[in-house]
PDB file of N, CA and C in Angstrom:
ATOM      1  N   MET A   1    -170.398  33.983  42.813  1.00  0.00           N
ATOM      2  CA  MET A   1    -170.818  34.534  43.873  1.00  0.00           C
ATOM      3  C   MET A   1    -170.348  36.243  43.979  1.00  0.00           C
ATOM      4  N   LYS A   2    -170.856  37.620  44.122  1.00  0.00           N
ATOM      5  CA  LYS A   2    -170.680  38.568  44.134  1.00  0.00           C
ATOM      6  C   LYS A   2    -170.387  38.700  45.643  1.00  0.00           C
ATOM      7  N   THR A   3    -169.416  39.362  46.577  1.00  0.00           N
ATOM      8  CA  THR A   3    -169.044  40.212  47.170  1.00  0.00           C
ATOM      9  C   THR A   3    -168.463  41.385  47.131  1.00  0.00           C
ATOM     10  N   ASN A   4    -168.411  42.458  47.503  1.00  0.00           N
ATOM     11  CA  ASN A   4    -168.129  43.804  47.948  1.00  0.00           C
ATOM     12  C   ASN A   4    -166.630  44.604  48.509  1.00  0.00           C
ATOM     13  N   ILE A   5    -166.155  45.267  48.508  1.00  0.00           N
ATOM     14  CA  ILE A   5    -164.383  45.719  48.586  1.00  0.00           C
ATOM     15  C   ILE A   5    -164.919  46.134  50.019  1.00  0.00           C
ATOM     16  N   ILE A   6    -164.248  45.561  51.180  1.00  0.00           N
ATOM     17  CA  ILE A   6    -163.997  46.195  52.018  1.00  0.00           C
ATOM     18  C   ILE A   6    -163.175  47.100  53.407  1.00  0.00           C
ATOM     19  N   ASN A   7    -162.744  48.213  54.002  1.00  0.00           N
ATOM     20  CA  ASN A   7    -161.715  48.616  54.583  1.00  0.00           C
ATOM     21  C   ASN A   7    -161.735  47.535  55.345  1.00  0.00           C
ATOM     22  N   ILE A   8    -160.228  47.570  55.647  1.00  0.00           N
ATOM     23  CA  ILE A   8    -159.238  46.486  56.469  1.00  0.00           C
ATOM     24  C   ILE A   8    -158.149  47.721  56.793  1.00  0.00           C
ATOM     25  N   GLY A   9    -158.940  48.273  57.907  1.00  0.00           N
ATOM     26  CA  GLY A   9    -157.028  49.313  57.853  1.00  0.00           C
ATOM     27  C   GLY A   9    -157.317  49.354  57.019  1.00  0.00           C
ATOM     28  N   ASN A  10    -155.533  49.956  56.725  1.00  0.00           N
ATOM     29  CA  ASN A  10    -154.831  50.849  55.926  1.00  0.00           C
ATOM     30  C   ASN A  10    -155.680  50.169  54.271  1.00  0.00           C
ATOM     31  N   SER A  11    -156.683  49.085  54.444  1.00  0.00           N
ATOM     32  CA  SER A  11    -155.987  47.759  53.392  1.00  0.00           C
ATOM     33  C   SER A  11    -157.486  48.025  52.632  1.00  0.00           C
ATOM     34  N   GLN A  12    -157.768  47.151  51.857  1.00  0.00           N
ATOM     35  CA  GLN A  12    -158.593  46.803  51.705  1.00  0.00           C
ATOM     36  C   GLN A  12    -159.510  45.139  50.949  1.00  0.00           C
ATOM     37  N   GLY A  13    -160.291  43.981  51.305  1.00  0.00           N
ATOM     38  CA  GLY A  13    -160.707  42.423  50.952  1.00  0.00           C
ATOM     39  C   GLY A  13    -161.605  43.002  50.759  1.00  0.00           C
ATOM     40  N   ILE A  14    -161.831  41.315  50.335  1.00  0.00           N
ATOM     41  CA  ILE A  14    -163.325  41.411  48.830  1.00  0.00           C
ATOM     42  C   ILE A  14    -162.578  39.338  50.081  1.00  0.00           C
ATOM     43  N   LEU A  15    -162.766  38.558  50.676  1.00  0.00           N
ATOM     44  CA  LEU A  15    -162.747  37.509  50.348  1.00  0.00           C
ATOM     45  C   LEU A  15    -163.937  37.320  51.721  1.00  0.00           C
ATOM     46  N   PRO A  16    -164.789  36.763  51.690  1.00  0.00           N
ATOM     47  CA  PRO A  16    -166.060  36.628  52.783  1.00  0.00           C
ATOM     48  C   PRO A  16    -165.736  35.691  53.510  1.00  0.00           C
ATOM     49  N   ALA A  17    -165.501  35.714  54.486  1.00  0.00           N
ATOM     50  CA  ALA A  17    -166.123  33.925  55.369  1.00  0.00           C
ATOM     51  C   ALA A  17    -166.192  33.289  55.467  1.00  0.00           C
ATOM     52  N   ILE A  18    -167.134  32.770  54.757  1.00  0.00           N
ATOM     53  CA  ILE A  18    -167.363  31.046  53.393  1.00  0.00           C
ATOM     54  C   ILE A  18    -166.954  30.330  53.775  1.00  0.00           C
ATOM     55  N   LEU A  19    -165.299  31.709  52.600  1.00  0.00           N
ATOM     56  CA  LEU A  19    -165.348  30.934  51.243  1.00  0.00           C
ATOM     57  C   LEU A  19    -163.914  30.642  52.310  1.00  0.00           C
ATOM     58  N   LEU A  20    -163.359  31.687  53.292  1.00  0.00           N
ATOM     59  CA  LEU A  20    -162.328  31.491  53.882  1.00  0.00           C
ATOM     60  C   LEU A  20    -161.990  30.390  55.554  1.00  0.00           C
ATOM     61  N   ARG A  21    -163.761  30.061  55.497  1.00  0.00           N
ATOM     62  CA  ARG A  21    -163.466  28.691  56.776  1.00  0.00           C
ATOM     63  C   ARG A  21    -163.173  27.286  55.320  1.00  0.00           C
ATOM     64  N   GLN A  22    -164.286  27.236  54.368  1.00  0.00           N
ATOM     65  CA  GLN A  22    -164.233  26.462  53.294  1.00  0.00           C
ATOM     66  C   GLN A  22    -162.898  25.815  52.751  1.00  0.00           C
ATOM     67  N   PHE A  23    -162.009  26.812  52.557  1.00  0.00           N
ATOM     68  CA  PHE A  23    -161.016  26.647  52.065  1.00  0.00           C
ATOM     69  C   PHE A  23    -159.614  27.029  53.315  1.00  0.00           C
ATOM     70  N   GLU A  24    -160.571  26.936  54.481  1.00  0.00           N
ATOM     71  CA  GLU A  24    -160.025  26.578  55.628  1.00  0.00           C
ATOM     72  C   GLU A  24    -157.959  27.906  55.952  1.00  0.00           C
ATOM     73  N   LEU A  25    -158.647  29.051  55.815  1.00  0.00           N
ATOM     74  CA  LEU A  25    -157.422  29.855  56.034  1.00  0.00           C
ATOM     75  C   LEU A  25    -157.675  30.842  56.272  1.00  0.00           C
ATOM     76  N   SER A  26    -156.715  31.249  57.272  1.00  0.00           N
ATOM     77  CA  SER A  26    -156.843  31.791  58.390  1.00  0.00           C
ATOM     78  C   SER A  26    -156.067  32.766  58.913  1.00  0.00           C
ATOM     79  N   ASN A  27    -156.282  34.612  59.350  1.00  0.00           N
ATOM     80  CA  ASN A  27    -154.872  35.924  59.029  1.00  0.00           C
ATOM     81  C   ASN A  27    -154.024  35.319  59.306  1.00  0.00           C
ATOM     82  N   LYS A  28    -153.668  34.182  59.458  1.00  0.00           N
ATOM     83  CA  LYS A  28    -152.311  33.589  59.810  1.00  0.00           C
ATOM     84  C   LYS A  28    -152.083  32.612  58.507  1.00  0.00           C
ATOM     85  N   SER A  29    -152.399  32.581  57.511  1.00  0.00           N
ATOM     86  CA  SER A  29    -152.764  32.116  56.302  1.00  0.00           C
ATOM     87  C   SER A  29    -151.681  32.554  54.950  1.00  0.00           C
ATOM     88  N   THR A  30    -151.079  31.793  54.299  1.00  0.00           N
ATOM     89  CA  THR A  30    -150.583  31.854  53.032  1.00  0.00           C
ATOM     90  C   THR A  30    -150.977  31.269  51.376  1.00  0.00           C
ATOM     91  N   VAL A  31    -151.440  32.730  50.843  1.00  0.00           N
ATOM     92  CA  VAL A  31    -152.013  32.706  49.236  1.00  0.00           C
ATOM     93  C   VAL A  31    -151.264  32.517  48.783  1.00  0.00           C
ATOM     94  N   GLU A  32    -151.150  32.171  47.624  1.00  0.00           N
ATOM     95  CA  GLU A  32    -150.459  32.847  46.310  1.00  0.00           C
ATOM     96  C   GLU A  32    -151.965  32.975  45.255  1.00  0.00           C
ATOM     97  N   MET A  33    -151.652  34.483  44.836  1.00  0.00           N
ATOM     98  CA  MET A  33    -152.084  35.355  43.924  1.00  0.00           C
ATOM     99  C   MET A  33    -151.873  35.732  42.912  1.00  0.00           C
ATOM    100  N   GLU A  34    -152.114  35.193  41.781  1.00  0.00           N
ATOM    101  CA  GLU A  34    -151.111  35.882  39.775  1.00  0.00           C
ATOM    102  C   GLU A  34    -152.662  36.465  39.522  1.00  0.00           C
ATOM    103  N   VAL A  35    -152.625  37.605  38.440  1.00  0.00           N
ATOM    104  CA  VAL A  35    -152.364  37.144  37.333  1.00  0.00           C
ATOM    105  C   VAL A  35    -152.677  36.797  35.734  1.00  0.00           C
ATOM    106  N   SER A  36    -154.067  36.669  35.065  1.00  0.00           N
ATOM    107  CA  SER A  36    -153.688  35.918  34.168  1.00  0.00           C
ATOM    108  C   SER A  36    -155.195  36.374  33.558  1.00  0.00           C
ATOM    109  N   ASN A  37    -155.162  36.609  32.105  1.00  0.00           N
ATOM    110  CA  ASN A  37    -156.210  36.807  31.083  1.00  0.00           C
ATOM    111  C   ASN A  37    -157.087  37.350  32.399  1.00  0.00           C
ATOM    112  N   GLY A  38    -156.877  38.813  32.548  1.00  0.00           N
ATOM    113  CA  GLY A  38    -157.922  39.866  33.578  1.00  0.00           C
ATOM    114  C   GLY A  38    -157.939  38.567  35.456  1.00  0.00           C
ATOM    115  N   ILE A  39    -158.417  37.918  34.920  1.00  0.00           N
ATOM    116  CA  ILE A  39    -158.595  37.060  35.948  1.00  0.00           C
ATOM    117  C   ILE A  39    -157.659  37.543  36.916  1.00  0.00           C
ATOM    118  N   ILE A  40    -158.351  37.430  38.351  1.00  0.00           N
ATOM    119  CA  ILE A  40    -157.252  37.198  39.716  1.00  0.00           C
ATOM    120  C   ILE A  40    -157.794  35.967  40.130  1.00  0.00           C
ATOM    121  N   ILE A  41    -156.241  34.868  40.260  1.00  0.00           N
ATOM    122  CA  ILE A  41    -156.220  34.186  40.708  1.00  0.00           C
ATOM    123  C   ILE A  41    -155.976  33.616  42.208  1.00  0.00           C
ATOM    124  N   ILE A  42    -155.881  33.633  43.279  1.00  0.00           N
ATOM    125  CA  ILE A  42    -156.134  32.775  44.418  1.00  0.00           C
ATOM    126  C   ILE A  42    -156.278  32.437  44.717  1.00  0.00           C
ATOM    127  N   LYS A  43    -154.884  30.913  45.149  1.00  0.00           N
ATOM    128  CA  LYS A  43    -154.601  29.459  45.376  1.00  0.00           C
ATOM    129  C   LYS A  43    -154.159  29.363  46.788  1.00  0.00           C
ATOM    130  N   PRO A  44    -154.454  28.472  47.794  1.00  0.00           N
ATOM    131  CA  PRO A  44    -154.207  28.627  49.044  1.00  0.00           C
ATOM    132  C   PRO A  44    -152.841  27.518  48.771  1.00  0.00           C
ATOM    133  N   GLU A  45    -151.502  28.097  49.271  1.00  0.00           N
ATOM    134  CA  GLU A  45    -150.495  27.191  49.245  1.00  0.00           C
ATOM    135  C   GLU A  45    -150.499  26.215  50.068  1.00  0.00           C
ATOM    136  N   PRO A  46    -149.792  25.157  48.485  1.00  0.00           N
ATOM    137  CA  PRO A  46    -149.768  23.175  49.731  1.00  0.00           C
ATOM    138  C   PRO A  46    -149.363  23.426  50.732  1.00  0.00           C
ATOM    139  N   ARG A  47    -150.094  22.295  51.508  1.00  0.00           N
ATOM    140  CA  ARG A  47    -149.834  22.138  52.849  1.00  0.00           C
ATOM    141  C   ARG A  47    -148.264  21.794  52.300  1.00  0.00           C
ATOM    142  N   GLN A  48    -147.436  21.761  53.495  1.00  0.00           N
ATOM    143  CA  GLN A  48    -145.952  21.440  54.066  1.00  0.00           C
ATOM    144  C   GLN A  48    -145.653  20.042  53.967  1.00  0.00           C
ATOM    145  N   GLY A  49    -145.152  20.199  53.449  1.00  0.00           N
ATOM    146  CA  GLY A  49    -144.337  18.929  53.889  1.00  0.00           C
ATOM    147  C   GLY A  49    -144.678  17.621  53.100  1.00  0.00           C
ATOM    148  N   TRP A  50    -145.677  17.922  51.896  1.00  0.00           N
ATOM    149  CA  TRP A  50    -146.161  16.537  51.250  1.00  0.00           C
ATOM    150  C   TRP A  50    -145.398  16.303  50.025  1.00  0.00           C
ATOM    151  N   ALA A  51    -144.094  16.750  49.351  1.00  0.00           N
ATOM    152  CA  ALA A  51    -143.746  16.349  48.312  1.00  0.00           C
ATOM    153  C   ALA A  51    -142.271  15.820  49.260  1.00  0.00           C
ATOM    154  N   GLU A  52    -142.188  15.974  50.181  1.00  0.00           N
ATOM    155  CA  GLU A  52    -141.039  14.523  50.622  1.00  0.00           C
ATOM    156  C   GLU A  52    -141.830  13.760  50.906  1.00  0.00           C
ATOM    157  N   ALA A  53    -143.200  13.724  52.013  1.00  0.00           N
ATOM    158  CA  ALA A  53    -142.866  12.403  51.577  1.00  0.00           C
ATOM    159  C   ALA A  53    -143.796  12.327  51.322  1.00  0.00           C
ATOM    160  N   THR A  54    -144.240  12.437  49.773  1.00  0.00           N
ATOM    161  CA  THR A  54    -143.908  11.188  48.675  1.00  0.00           C
ATOM    162  C   THR A  54    -143.530  10.928  48.039  1.00  0.00           C
ATOM    163  N   SER A  55    -141.886  11.403  48.534  1.00  0.00           N
ATOM    164  CA  SER A  55    -140.972  10.851  48.554  1.00  0.00           C
ATOM    165  C   SER A  55    -140.198  10.196  48.961  1.00  0.00           C
ATOM    166  N   GLN A  56    -140.495   9.957  50.054  1.00  0.00           N
ATOM    167  CA  GLN A  56    -140.718   8.593  51.175  1.00  0.00           C
ATOM    168  C   GLN A  56    -140.709   7.596  50.859  1.00  0.00           C
ATOM    169  N   MET A  57    -142.182   7.841  50.182  1.00  0.00           N
ATOM    170  CA  MET A  57    -143.388   6.160  50.526  1.00  0.00           C
ATOM    171  C   MET A  57    -142.491   6.078  48.631  1.00  0.00           C
ATOM    172  N   HIS A  58    -142.430   6.843  47.668  1.00  0.00           N
ATOM    173  CA  HIS A  58    -142.193   6.126  46.635  1.00  0.00           C
ATOM    174  C   HIS A  58    -140.218   5.359  47.307  1.00  0.00           C
ATOM    175  N   SER A  59    -139.869   5.574  48.420  1.00  0.00           N
ATOM    176  CA  SER A  59    -138.102   5.241  47.999  1.00  0.00           C
ATOM    177  C   SER A  59    -138.869   3.596  48.705  1.00  0.00           C
ATOM    178  N   ALA A  60    -140.222   3.862  49.830  1.00  0.00           N
ATOM    179  CA  ALA A  60    -140.278   3.161  50.721  1.00  0.00           C
ATOM    180  C   ALA A  60    -141.633   2.179  49.994  1.00  0.00           C
ATOM    181  N   GLY A  61    -141.481   2.167  48.592  1.00  0.00           N
ATOM    182  CA  GLY A  61    -142.726   1.499  47.484  1.00  0.00           C
ATOM    183  C   GLY A  61    -143.822   0.995  48.157  1.00  0.00           C
ATOM    184  N   ASP A  62    -144.199   2.388  48.933  1.00  0.00           N
ATOM    185  CA  ASP A  62    -146.354   2.348  49.462  1.00  0.00           C
ATOM    186  C   ASP A  62    -146.650   3.460  48.956  1.00  0.00           C
ATOM    187  N   ASP A  63    -145.788   3.090  47.470  1.00  0.00           N
ATOM    188  CA  ASP A  63    -146.847   4.548  46.280  1.00  0.00           C
ATOM    189  C   ASP A  63    -147.595   3.505  45.264  1.00  0.00           C
ATOM    190  N   SER A  64    -148.088   2.524  46.128  1.00  0.00           N
ATOM    191  CA  SER A  64    -149.388   2.051  44.264  1.00  0.00           C
ATOM    192  C   SER A  64    -150.368   2.108  44.721  1.00  0.00           C
ATOM    193  N   LEU A  65    -151.104   1.538  43.308  1.00  0.00           N
ATOM    194  CA  LEU A  65    -152.165   1.945  43.383  1.00  0.00           C
ATOM    195  C   LEU A  65    -153.040   1.486  43.979  1.00  0.00           C
ATOM    196  N   LEU A  66    -154.208   1.611  44.457  1.00  0.00           N
ATOM    197  CA  LEU A  66    -155.008   1.275  45.640  1.00  0.00           C
ATOM    198  C   LEU A  66    -156.760   0.380  44.394  1.00  0.00           C
ATOM    199  N   LEU A  67    -157.046   0.886  43.730  1.00  0.00           N
ATOM    200  CA  LEU A  67    -157.795   0.353  42.303  1.00  0.00           C
ATOM    201  C   LEU A  67    -156.970   0.010  41.466  1.00  0.00           C
ATOM    202  N   GLY A  68    -157.612  -0.919  41.255  1.00  0.00           N
ATOM    203  CA  GLY A  68    -156.767  -1.412  39.486  1.00  0.00           C
ATOM    204  C   GLY A  68    -156.922  -0.278  38.608  1.00  0.00           C
ATOM    205  N   ASP A  69    -156.342  -0.587  37.728  1.00  0.00           N
ATOM    206  CA  ASP A  69    -157.413   0.194  36.154  1.00  0.00           C
ATOM    207  C   ASP A  69    -158.716  -0.289  36.209  1.00  0.00           C
ATOM    208  N   VAL A  70    -159.243   0.799  35.635  1.00  0.00           N
ATOM    209  CA  VAL A  70    -160.811   0.262  34.507  1.00  0.00           C
ATOM    210  C   VAL A  70    -160.527   0.430  34.042  1.00  0.00           C
ATOM    211  N   PRO A  71    -161.800  -0.747  33.045  1.00  0.00           N
ATOM    212  CA  PRO A  71    -162.658  -0.786  33.626  1.00  0.00           C
ATOM    213  C   PRO A  71    -162.409  -2.775  34.225  1.00  0.00           C
ATOM    214  N   ASN A  72    -162.694  -3.048  35.218  1.00  0.00           N
ATOM    215  CA  ASN A  72    -162.389  -4.067  36.015  1.00  0.00           C
ATOM    216  C   ASN A  72    -163.756  -4.652  35.468  1.00  0.00           C
ATOM    217  N   GLU A  73    -163.364  -6.427  36.897  1.00  0.00           N
ATOM    218  CA  GLU A  73    -164.323  -7.648  35.704  1.00  0.00           C
ATOM    219  C   GLU A  73    -165.592  -7.001  36.804  1.00  0.00           C
ATOM    220  N   SER A  74    -165.813  -6.321  38.079  1.00  0.00           N
ATOM    221  CA  SER A  74    -167.323  -5.789  38.200  1.00  0.00           C
ATOM    222  C   SER A  74    -167.796  -4.903  37.251  1.00  0.00           C
ATOM    223  N   ASP A  75    -166.707  -3.822  36.688  1.00  0.00           N
ATOM    224  CA  ASP A  75    -167.450  -2.891  36.121  1.00  0.00           C
ATOM    225  C   ASP A  75    -168.308  -4.428  34.352  1.00  0.00           C
ATOM    226  N   LYS A  76    -167.727  -4.435  34.434  1.00  0.00           N
ATOM    227  CA  LYS A  76    -168.023  -5.447  32.808  1.00  0.00           C
ATOM    228  C   LYS A  76    -169.850  -6.402  34.178  1.00  0.00           C
ATOM    229  N   GLU A  77    -169.656  -6.845  34.703  1.00  0.00           N
ATOM    230  CA  GLU A  77    -171.055  -7.679  34.932  1.00  0.00           C
ATOM    231  C   GLU A  77    -171.907  -6.803  35.223  1.00  0.00           C
ATOM    232  N   GLU A  78    -171.404  -5.844  35.658  1.00  0.00           N
ATOM    233  CA  GLU A  78    -172.634  -4.033  35.908  1.00  0.00           C
ATOM    234  C   GLU A  78    -173.114  -3.594  34.842  1.00  0.00           C
ATOM    235  N   TRP A  79    -171.642  -3.013  34.423  1.00  0.00           N
ATOM    236  CA  TRP A  79    -172.421  -2.076  32.919  1.00  0.00           C
ATOM    237  C   TRP A  79    -172.889  -2.342  32.154  1.00  0.00           C
ATOM    238  N   THR A  80    -173.176  -2.215  31.148  1.00  0.00           N
ATOM    239  CA  THR A  80    -174.044  -2.346  29.916  1.00  0.00           C
ATOM    240  C   THR A  80    -172.731  -1.723  28.629  1.00  0.00           C
ATOM    241  N   TRP A  81    -172.254  -2.386  28.226  1.00  0.00           N
ATOM    242  CA  TRP A  81    -171.188  -1.983  27.676  1.00  0.00           C
ATOM    243  C   TRP A  81    -171.843  -1.265  26.268  1.00  0.00           C
TER     244      TRP A  81
END
């Protein structure tokens, strides 16, 4: 995707509205920016509280796999190996 740098007050911006909507970002969102090998990387900040929630799930024993390891028996019937 190509985009133009635009003036926003005393700053400049580059993120098109379609990307902001796709990643559910607004003017109050926090993002992480870094430069790696001359490439600008912009990452949405992870949702807050997920680390704590997964820790609680693990403590409660509620973090087992929903699907077994693959291949399973139905895979053996449906696929040609």
